[in-house]
Protein backbone atom coordinates (compact mmCIF):
# COMPACT_ATOMS: atom_id res chain seq x y z
CA MET A 1 -0.01 -0.02 0.03
CA PRO A 2 1.40 3.50 -0.90
CA SER A 3 2.15 5.92 1.89
CA MET A 4 -0.89 7.96 2.88
CA GLU A 5 -1.47 11.24 1.10
CA GLU A 6 -2.18 14.49 2.82
CA VAL A 7 -5.69 15.75 2.14
CA VAL A 8 -6.46 19.39 1.32
CA ILE A 9 -9.59 21.37 0.55
CA THR A 10 -9.60 23.39 -2.73
CA GLY A 11 -13.27 24.24 -3.22
CA MET A 12 -16.43 25.02 -1.36
CA GLY A 13 -20.07 25.36 -2.29
CA CYS A 14 -23.38 25.74 -0.48
CA VAL A 15 -27.10 26.47 -0.51
CA THR A 16 -28.33 28.06 2.73
CA ASN A 17 -30.95 30.49 3.97
CA LEU A 18 -28.17 33.00 4.38
CA GLY A 19 -26.76 32.73 0.87
CA ASN A 20 -25.87 30.29 -1.89
CA THR A 21 -22.10 31.02 -2.04
CA PRO A 22 -19.58 30.70 0.73
CA ASP A 23 -18.81 34.38 0.71
CA GLU A 24 -22.45 35.41 0.90
CA LEU A 25 -23.09 32.95 3.80
CA TRP A 26 -19.94 34.12 5.59
CA ASN A 27 -20.74 37.81 5.25
CA ASN A 28 -24.29 37.26 6.56
CA LEU A 29 -23.00 35.34 9.49
CA LEU A 30 -20.48 38.09 10.33
CA ALA A 31 -23.42 40.53 10.11
CA GLY A 32 -25.37 38.58 12.65
CA LYS A 33 -28.31 37.91 10.40
CA SER A 34 -30.83 35.13 10.97
CA GLY A 35 -32.13 32.93 8.13
CA VAL A 36 -35.02 31.70 10.20
CA GLY A 37 -38.61 32.89 9.60
CA LEU A 38 -42.24 31.80 9.27
CA ILE A 39 -42.85 29.02 6.71
CA ASP A 40 -44.70 30.09 3.56
CA ARG A 41 -44.04 27.04 1.37
CA PHE A 42 -46.96 25.04 2.80
CA ASP A 43 -49.84 25.42 5.37
CA THR A 44 -48.59 25.11 8.96
CA GLU A 45 -51.96 25.79 10.66
CA ALA A 46 -52.24 22.24 12.09
CA CYS A 47 -48.64 22.11 13.29
CA PRO A 48 -47.49 23.51 16.63
CA VAL A 49 -44.36 24.83 14.92
CA LYS A 50 -44.80 27.48 12.22
CA PHE A 51 -41.24 28.47 11.28
CA ALA A 52 -38.04 27.07 9.97
CA GLY A 53 -34.80 27.92 8.16
CA GLN A 54 -36.52 27.70 4.80
CA ILE A 55 -34.60 28.24 1.59
CA ARG A 56 -36.36 31.18 -0.07
CA GLU A 57 -33.92 32.26 -2.75
CA PHE A 58 -32.62 29.49 -5.01
CA ASP A 59 -32.55 29.23 -8.73
CA ALA A 60 -31.85 25.80 -10.28
CA SER A 61 -32.41 27.05 -13.86
CA PRO A 62 -28.68 26.94 -14.72
CA TYR A 63 -28.73 23.18 -14.10
CA TYR A 64 -32.26 21.97 -14.92
CA SER A 65 -35.08 22.86 -17.28
CA GLU A 66 -38.39 23.92 -15.81
CA ARG A 67 -39.77 20.40 -16.59
CA ASP A 68 -36.91 18.71 -14.81
CA ARG A 69 -37.08 21.04 -11.80
CA LYS A 70 -40.56 19.61 -11.13
CA ARG A 71 -39.13 16.14 -11.25
CA ILE A 72 -35.81 16.40 -9.50
CA SER A 73 -35.89 16.43 -5.73
CA ARG A 74 -34.91 19.70 -4.07
CA ASN A 75 -32.16 18.03 -2.07
CA ILE A 76 -30.53 16.96 -5.33
CA GLN A 77 -30.91 20.40 -6.87
CA TYR A 78 -29.32 22.03 -3.83
CA ALA A 79 -26.39 19.62 -3.92
CA VAL A 80 -25.82 20.02 -7.70
CA HIS A 81 -25.58 23.83 -7.19
CA ALA A 82 -23.21 23.44 -4.23
CA ALA A 83 -21.03 20.91 -6.12
CA GLU A 84 -20.82 23.09 -9.25
CA THR A 85 -19.92 26.10 -7.07
CA ALA A 86 -17.22 24.10 -5.23
CA LEU A 87 -15.71 22.74 -8.46
CA LYS A 88 -15.59 26.19 -9.96
CA MET A 89 -13.78 27.57 -6.90
CA ALA A 90 -11.33 24.62 -7.24
CA GLY A 91 -10.59 25.72 -10.77
CA ILE A 92 -12.18 22.71 -12.36
CA GLU A 93 -14.31 23.93 -15.31
CA ASP A 94 -14.26 20.83 -17.51
CA THR A 95 -14.84 17.99 -15.03
CA ARG A 96 -13.98 15.29 -17.60
CA ALA A 97 -10.78 16.79 -18.92
CA ALA A 98 -9.30 18.40 -15.74
CA VAL A 99 -8.88 15.07 -13.83
CA ASP A 100 -8.61 11.29 -14.29
CA VAL A 101 -12.31 10.51 -13.99
CA THR A 102 -11.58 6.95 -12.86
CA ARG A 103 -9.77 8.45 -9.83
CA ALA A 104 -12.30 11.09 -9.04
CA CYS A 105 -14.93 10.23 -6.45
CA VAL A 106 -18.35 11.60 -5.31
CA ILE A 107 -19.25 11.04 -1.64
CA VAL A 108 -22.34 13.08 -0.94
CA GLY A 109 -25.14 12.00 1.42
CA SER A 110 -28.50 13.06 2.85
CA GLY A 111 -29.99 12.36 6.18
CA MET A 112 -33.51 11.89 4.84
CA GLY A 113 -33.36 12.03 1.05
CA GLY A 114 -36.31 13.09 -1.19
CA MET A 115 -38.80 13.70 1.60
CA GLU A 116 -41.27 15.73 -0.45
CA ILE A 117 -41.75 13.23 -3.16
CA PHE A 118 -41.99 10.56 -0.49
CA TYR A 119 -44.77 12.47 1.23
CA ASP A 120 -46.58 13.54 -1.91
CA SER A 121 -46.49 10.00 -3.38
CA SER A 122 -47.83 8.52 -0.14
CA VAL A 123 -50.73 11.06 -0.13
CA ASN A 124 -51.43 10.25 -3.82
CA LEU A 125 -51.35 6.54 -3.20
CA GLU A 126 -54.04 6.95 -0.57
CA LYS A 127 -56.17 9.24 -2.84
CA LYS A 128 -55.67 7.68 -6.27
CA GLY A 129 -54.12 4.22 -5.81
CA THR A 130 -50.92 3.04 -7.46
CA ARG A 131 -51.57 5.11 -10.62
CA GLY A 132 -51.15 8.21 -8.51
CA VAL A 133 -47.52 7.41 -7.60
CA SER A 134 -44.93 9.24 -9.69
CA PRO A 135 -42.57 7.06 -11.72
CA PHE A 136 -39.82 9.29 -10.31
CA PHE A 137 -40.75 8.38 -6.79
CA VAL A 138 -38.14 5.75 -6.15
CA PRO A 139 -35.15 7.43 -7.93
CA GLN A 140 -35.86 10.78 -6.38
CA ALA A 141 -36.74 9.62 -2.87
CA ILE A 142 -33.61 7.39 -2.21
CA ALA A 143 -30.88 9.23 -0.37
CA ASN A 144 -28.00 7.91 -2.58
CA MET A 145 -29.27 9.48 -5.74
CA VAL A 146 -27.64 12.78 -4.92
CA ALA A 147 -24.20 11.19 -5.32
CA GLY A 148 -25.36 9.42 -8.37
CA GLU A 149 -26.65 12.60 -10.01
CA ILE A 150 -23.44 14.55 -9.31
CA ALA A 151 -21.37 11.72 -10.71
CA ILE A 152 -23.53 11.59 -13.87
CA ARG A 153 -23.14 15.33 -14.38
CA THR A 154 -19.39 15.36 -13.73
CA GLY A 155 -18.54 12.02 -15.46
CA TRP A 156 -16.54 11.03 -12.37
CA MET A 157 -16.31 7.21 -12.17
CA GLY A 158 -14.31 6.68 -8.97
CA PRO A 159 -15.81 5.52 -5.69
CA THR A 160 -19.33 6.96 -5.53
CA TRP A 161 -21.86 6.53 -2.75
CA SER A 162 -23.85 8.25 0.02
CA PRO A 163 -23.23 7.97 3.76
CA VAL A 164 -26.37 8.31 5.85
CA SER A 165 -25.91 9.09 9.54
CA ALA A 166 -28.63 11.68 10.24
CA CYS A 167 -27.03 15.04 11.27
CA ALA A 168 -23.47 13.65 11.03
CA THR A 169 -23.85 12.78 7.37
CA SER A 170 -21.70 15.52 5.88
CA ASN A 171 -18.78 14.95 8.18
CA HIS A 172 -18.96 11.23 7.58
CA SER A 173 -18.91 12.04 3.86
CA PHE A 174 -15.75 14.05 4.28
CA ILE A 175 -14.13 11.32 6.39
CA THR A 176 -15.03 8.68 3.77
CA ALA A 177 -13.76 10.82 0.88
CA ALA A 178 -10.52 11.53 2.75
CA ASP A 179 -10.08 7.75 3.32
CA GLN A 180 -10.37 7.05 -0.39
CA ILE A 181 -7.68 9.63 -1.09
CA ARG A 182 -5.38 8.53 1.69
CA LEU A 183 -5.73 4.87 0.67
CA GLY A 184 -4.71 5.72 -2.89
CA ARG A 185 -8.11 4.92 -4.44
CA ALA A 186 -8.75 8.48 -5.57
CA ASP A 187 -7.00 11.75 -6.25
CA ILE A 188 -9.88 14.08 -5.77
CA ALA A 189 -13.46 14.02 -4.35
CA VAL A 190 -16.65 16.05 -4.18
CA ALA A 191 -18.04 15.43 -0.71
CA GLY A 192 -20.64 16.68 1.65
CA GLY A 193 -24.39 16.62 2.36
CA THR A 194 -27.81 17.97 1.43
CA GLU A 195 -31.28 18.12 2.83
CA GLU A 196 -34.81 19.24 1.94
CA ALA A 197 -36.46 18.66 5.34
CA VAL A 198 -38.64 21.84 5.44
CA CYS A 199 -41.69 20.04 4.19
CA PRO A 200 -44.95 18.88 5.90
CA ILE A 201 -43.73 15.45 7.02
CA GLY A 202 -40.31 16.72 8.10
CA LEU A 203 -41.79 19.50 10.25
CA ALA A 204 -44.47 17.23 11.68
CA GLY A 205 -42.11 14.43 12.56
CA PHE A 206 -39.68 16.60 14.54
CA ALA A 207 -42.52 18.54 16.11
CA SER A 208 -44.11 15.35 17.35
CA MET A 209 -40.82 14.41 18.98
CA LYS A 210 -40.91 17.78 20.77
CA ALA A 211 -37.41 18.35 19.44
CA LEU A 212 -38.22 21.73 17.90
CA SER A 213 -38.47 25.18 19.50
CA THR A 214 -42.02 26.48 19.59
CA ARG A 215 -41.12 30.18 19.72
CA ASN A 216 -43.57 31.02 16.90
CA GLU A 217 -43.91 34.66 17.97
CA GLU A 218 -40.10 35.27 17.50
CA PRO A 219 -38.76 32.84 14.91
CA ALA A 220 -35.42 34.64 14.45
CA ARG A 221 -34.81 34.32 18.28
CA ALA A 222 -35.80 30.69 18.52
CA SER A 223 -32.43 29.10 17.83
CA ARG A 224 -30.43 29.97 20.98
CA PRO A 225 -27.57 27.56 21.61
CA PHE A 226 -25.99 27.65 25.02
CA ASP A 227 -28.71 30.03 26.35
CA VAL A 228 -30.75 29.07 29.39
CA GLY A 229 -33.91 29.89 27.44
CA ARG A 230 -33.29 27.33 24.61
CA ASN A 231 -36.19 24.97 24.06
CA GLY A 232 -35.36 22.94 20.95
CA PHE A 233 -33.71 23.25 17.55
CA VAL A 234 -34.94 25.02 14.42
CA LEU A 235 -35.52 22.86 11.40
CA SER A 236 -33.52 23.94 8.32
CA GLU A 237 -32.36 22.71 4.93
CA GLY A 238 -29.77 23.26 2.18
CA ALA A 239 -26.40 21.80 1.11
CA GLY A 240 -22.71 22.05 1.91
CA ILE A 241 -20.02 20.55 -0.36
CA LEU A 242 -16.26 20.54 -0.42
CA VAL A 243 -13.68 19.56 -3.06
CA LEU A 244 -11.01 17.45 -1.31
CA GLU A 245 -7.86 16.18 -2.97
CA SER A 246 -4.43 14.88 -2.26
CA LEU A 247 -1.84 17.54 -1.72
CA SER A 248 0.24 16.24 -4.62
CA HIS A 249 -2.72 16.35 -6.95
CA ALA A 250 -3.68 19.88 -5.88
CA GLN A 251 -0.08 21.07 -6.36
CA LYS A 252 0.17 19.46 -9.76
CA ARG A 253 -2.97 21.33 -10.86
CA GLY A 254 -1.74 24.54 -9.31
CA ALA A 255 -4.88 24.77 -7.26
CA LYS A 256 -5.22 27.24 -4.37
CA ILE A 257 -5.35 25.39 -1.06
CA LEU A 258 -7.96 26.76 1.29
CA ALA A 259 -7.28 24.52 4.27
CA ARG A 260 -5.81 21.12 5.27
CA LEU A 261 -7.83 18.24 6.68
CA ALA A 262 -5.49 17.42 9.59
CA GLY A 263 -7.49 14.63 11.17
CA CYS A 264 -10.90 12.95 11.48
CA GLY A 265 -12.67 11.08 14.25
CA ALA A 266 -15.88 8.99 14.30
CA SER A 267 -17.49 7.04 17.17
CA GLY A 268 -20.75 5.73 18.49
CA ASP A 269 -22.46 6.59 21.72
CA ALA A 270 -24.05 3.12 22.00
CA TYR A 271 -26.63 4.77 24.27
CA HIS A 272 -30.02 6.01 22.94
CA MET A 273 -31.87 6.55 19.63
CA SER A 274 -32.05 10.38 20.05
CA ALA A 275 -30.50 11.52 23.39
CA PRO A 276 -26.74 12.14 23.76
CA ARG A 277 -24.66 10.37 26.36
CA GLU A 278 -24.50 12.76 29.30
CA ASP A 279 -20.94 11.72 30.15
CA GLY A 280 -19.80 12.75 26.67
CA GLU A 281 -17.62 9.64 26.34
CA GLY A 282 -18.54 8.93 22.72
CA VAL A 283 -17.66 12.48 21.69
CA CYS A 284 -14.38 12.29 23.60
CA VAL A 285 -13.51 9.08 21.68
CA ALA A 286 -14.07 10.83 18.36
CA ILE A 287 -12.01 13.87 19.39
CA SER A 288 -9.12 11.67 20.58
CA MET A 289 -9.18 9.73 17.33
CA ALA A 290 -8.96 12.97 15.28
CA LEU A 291 -6.15 14.36 17.46
CA LYS A 292 -4.16 11.07 17.08
CA GLU A 293 -4.62 11.11 13.35
CA ALA A 294 -3.55 14.75 13.15
CA GLY A 295 -0.56 14.23 15.40
CA ILE A 296 -1.31 17.32 17.47
CA ASP A 297 -2.15 18.10 21.08
CA ILE A 298 -5.59 19.42 21.94
CA SER A 299 -4.01 22.68 23.32
CA GLN A 300 -3.16 23.58 19.59
CA ILE A 301 -6.92 23.82 18.79
CA GLY A 302 -8.13 27.42 19.06
CA TYR A 303 -11.74 27.17 17.84
CA VAL A 304 -14.54 24.67 17.91
CA ASN A 305 -17.57 25.04 15.58
CA THR A 306 -19.92 23.05 17.74
CA HIS A 307 -22.90 20.87 16.85
CA GLY A 308 -24.69 23.39 19.13
CA THR A 309 -28.34 22.59 18.21
CA SER A 310 -30.13 24.63 20.90
CA THR A 311 -31.55 21.59 22.66
CA PRO A 312 -31.61 21.56 26.49
CA ARG A 313 -29.64 18.34 26.87
CA GLY A 314 -27.55 18.34 23.70
CA ASP A 315 -25.74 21.61 24.20
CA VAL A 316 -24.66 20.77 27.74
CA ALA A 317 -23.64 17.21 26.83
CA GLU A 318 -21.48 18.46 23.96
CA CYS A 319 -19.79 21.20 25.98
CA LYS A 320 -19.05 18.86 28.88
CA ALA A 321 -17.45 16.44 26.37
CA ILE A 322 -15.32 19.21 24.85
CA PHE A 323 -14.34 20.47 28.33
CA LYS A 324 -13.34 16.90 29.30
CA ALA A 325 -11.34 16.50 26.12
CA PHE A 326 -9.46 19.73 26.86
CA ASP A 327 -8.89 18.50 30.46
CA GLY A 328 -10.52 21.72 31.58
CA LYS A 329 -7.80 23.89 30.05
CA ILE A 330 -9.98 26.08 27.85
CA ASP A 331 -8.50 29.53 28.21
CA ASN A 332 -7.23 29.61 24.62
CA VAL A 333 -10.25 28.02 22.89
CA LYS A 334 -13.47 29.71 21.71
CA ILE A 335 -16.60 28.05 20.54
CA ASN A 336 -19.76 29.12 18.66
CA SER A 337 -22.80 27.73 16.92
CA THR A 338 -23.59 28.57 13.34
CA LYS A 339 -27.07 26.95 13.86
CA SER A 340 -27.95 30.04 15.96
CA MET A 341 -28.41 31.89 12.64
CA THR A 342 -29.09 29.15 10.09
CA GLY A 343 -31.07 26.62 12.13
CA HIS A 344 -30.24 22.94 11.85
CA MET A 345 -29.71 21.68 8.28
CA LEU A 346 -29.62 18.07 9.45
CA GLY A 347 -27.59 15.96 7.02
CA ALA A 348 -26.23 19.15 5.37
CA ALA A 349 -25.33 20.86 8.67
CA SER A 350 -21.72 19.77 8.98
CA GLY A 351 -21.15 20.42 5.27
CA MET A 352 -22.15 24.06 5.76
CA GLU A 353 -20.23 24.23 9.06
CA ALA A 354 -17.10 22.91 7.52
CA ILE A 355 -17.20 25.83 5.10
CA VAL A 356 -17.73 28.25 7.99
CA THR A 357 -14.83 26.72 9.87
CA ILE A 358 -12.56 27.04 6.83
CA LYS A 359 -13.57 30.66 6.36
CA SER A 360 -12.87 31.29 10.03
CA LEU A 361 -9.40 29.81 9.64
CA MET A 362 -8.78 31.83 6.44
CA GLU A 363 -9.87 35.20 7.96
CA GLN A 364 -8.88 34.49 11.59
CA LYS A 365 -12.38 35.59 12.67
CA LEU A 366 -15.25 33.93 14.47
CA HIS A 367 -18.87 34.82 13.94
CA GLN A 368 -21.07 35.38 16.99
CA THR A 369 -23.49 32.92 18.54
CA LEU A 370 -26.79 34.74 17.98
CA ASN A 371 -29.44 34.93 20.65
CA LEU A 372 -27.01 34.01 23.46
CA GLU A 373 -28.39 36.41 26.12
CA ASN A 374 -28.07 34.45 29.33
CA GLN A 375 -25.42 31.72 29.05
CA ASP A 376 -26.16 28.39 30.76
CA PRO A 377 -23.93 28.20 33.85
CA GLU A 378 -23.11 24.56 32.91
CA ILE A 379 -21.35 25.82 29.77
CA PRO A 380 -17.99 27.42 30.85
CA PHE A 381 -16.70 28.43 27.37
CA ASP A 382 -16.28 31.74 25.61
CA CYS A 383 -19.17 31.26 23.17
CA CYS A 384 -18.68 34.45 21.05
CA ALA A 385 -21.85 35.95 22.42
CA ASN A 386 -21.11 39.61 21.76
CA GLY A 387 -20.37 39.85 18.04
CA VAL A 388 -17.50 38.98 15.68
CA VAL A 389 -14.24 37.95 17.42
CA GLU A 390 -10.79 38.40 15.97
CA HIS A 391 -8.81 35.31 16.96
CA LYS A 392 -5.45 33.82 15.96
CA PHE A 393 -5.43 30.07 15.64
CA GLU A 394 -3.92 27.33 13.42
CA TYR A 395 -6.32 24.47 14.06
CA ALA A 396 -10.11 24.25 14.39
CA MET A 397 -12.52 21.46 15.23
CA SER A 398 -15.95 20.97 13.63
CA ASN A 399 -18.31 18.66 15.49
CA SER A 400 -21.44 16.95 14.26
CA PHE A 401 -23.59 14.31 15.93
CA GLY A 402 -26.55 12.30 14.62
CA PHE A 403 -29.59 10.53 16.09
CA GLY A 404 -28.52 6.97 16.81
CA GLY A 405 -25.37 8.17 18.60
CA HIS A 406 -23.21 8.89 15.45
CA ASN A 407 -20.37 11.22 16.46
CA SER A 408 -18.14 12.86 13.93
CA VAL A 409 -15.23 15.34 14.32
CA LEU A 410 -13.12 17.15 11.73
CA LEU A 411 -9.84 18.81 12.54
CA LEU A 412 -8.97 21.53 10.01
CA GLU A 413 -5.67 23.32 9.68
CA LYS A 414 -4.91 26.77 8.32
CA ALA A 415 -3.36 26.62 4.90
């Protein structure tokens, strides 16, 4: 087996409620804007939750005809835009000529897949029988089709599939893609996650679990990670995609390196279908794994982009785990939660947050945690509550955890 290659990031792309390019997203985060508001895509009268991080401004016409836009699931459309944006940033215009397509992989997942066509087809089956079910139902509902669609469009024929691990999906996609590169199976990868969960069944499902904030009168103030008044997360959607490649491949192409993927960690809580382990042991295992792979001490990490969903138990459990991993020596580390402004994009969350973490490394700035007015005394960190923070650091950690106890950690290094 050849020696393992160093993995770098050369492109980024996204679809979010705060912008559909990394720069637009970043600038809105620095400005402290919220992408959360009342839902106008469908009737929420019967639901106790009336708001979400809905994508309101998105144009898929550069990629799909009007006819196809009605057939292709939104989660796929979001991912295609994010992938195209990331490839363009990486300097890859002709995806078939710029790389060896047999060594170019696509690892893009979705926590839930094509939820809308699944819901609509189920309703039509009840009303009209089997003839009411769209012939596009199966290929548009299955979560792996997003990787298949991107591979078809790019012509990339290397390892191609879709990790599915709920809200940890994007990070697991990055870890999987990095493994393919390190093992010598690929030179370059498009990786990340996408989600279209702001739909009737998605909202109803999470509302029934009582996982969502019910602050209907103040939607923009509903996502409040680390605050004593937090009462659930805010459902959101979108996509976050990176281009990862081996350092030698990037250098050969003359690509601009945005950041280095220093290490990865993945673990299981082995505890509960939706609640986190309160002792944080699973998260600590993932952090330790990432540190060992990166060959660094935890004291070198200056910033953590937390999972930070704004749930009563989750925020405290994560922060206790981080505190434990740092052995209580947290004077030089700052944390924040991007979800305070975007809401929770589920399978796309850590894709978007990886972009934010890279931008933070590049600009040596941290966005604020919005709506943090009265910090939970069980959370002892500097959570960037009072606006943008200038901060010098070489390494950053991006955490993401999924229902089922799936923990994922990325360690990113300044280029």
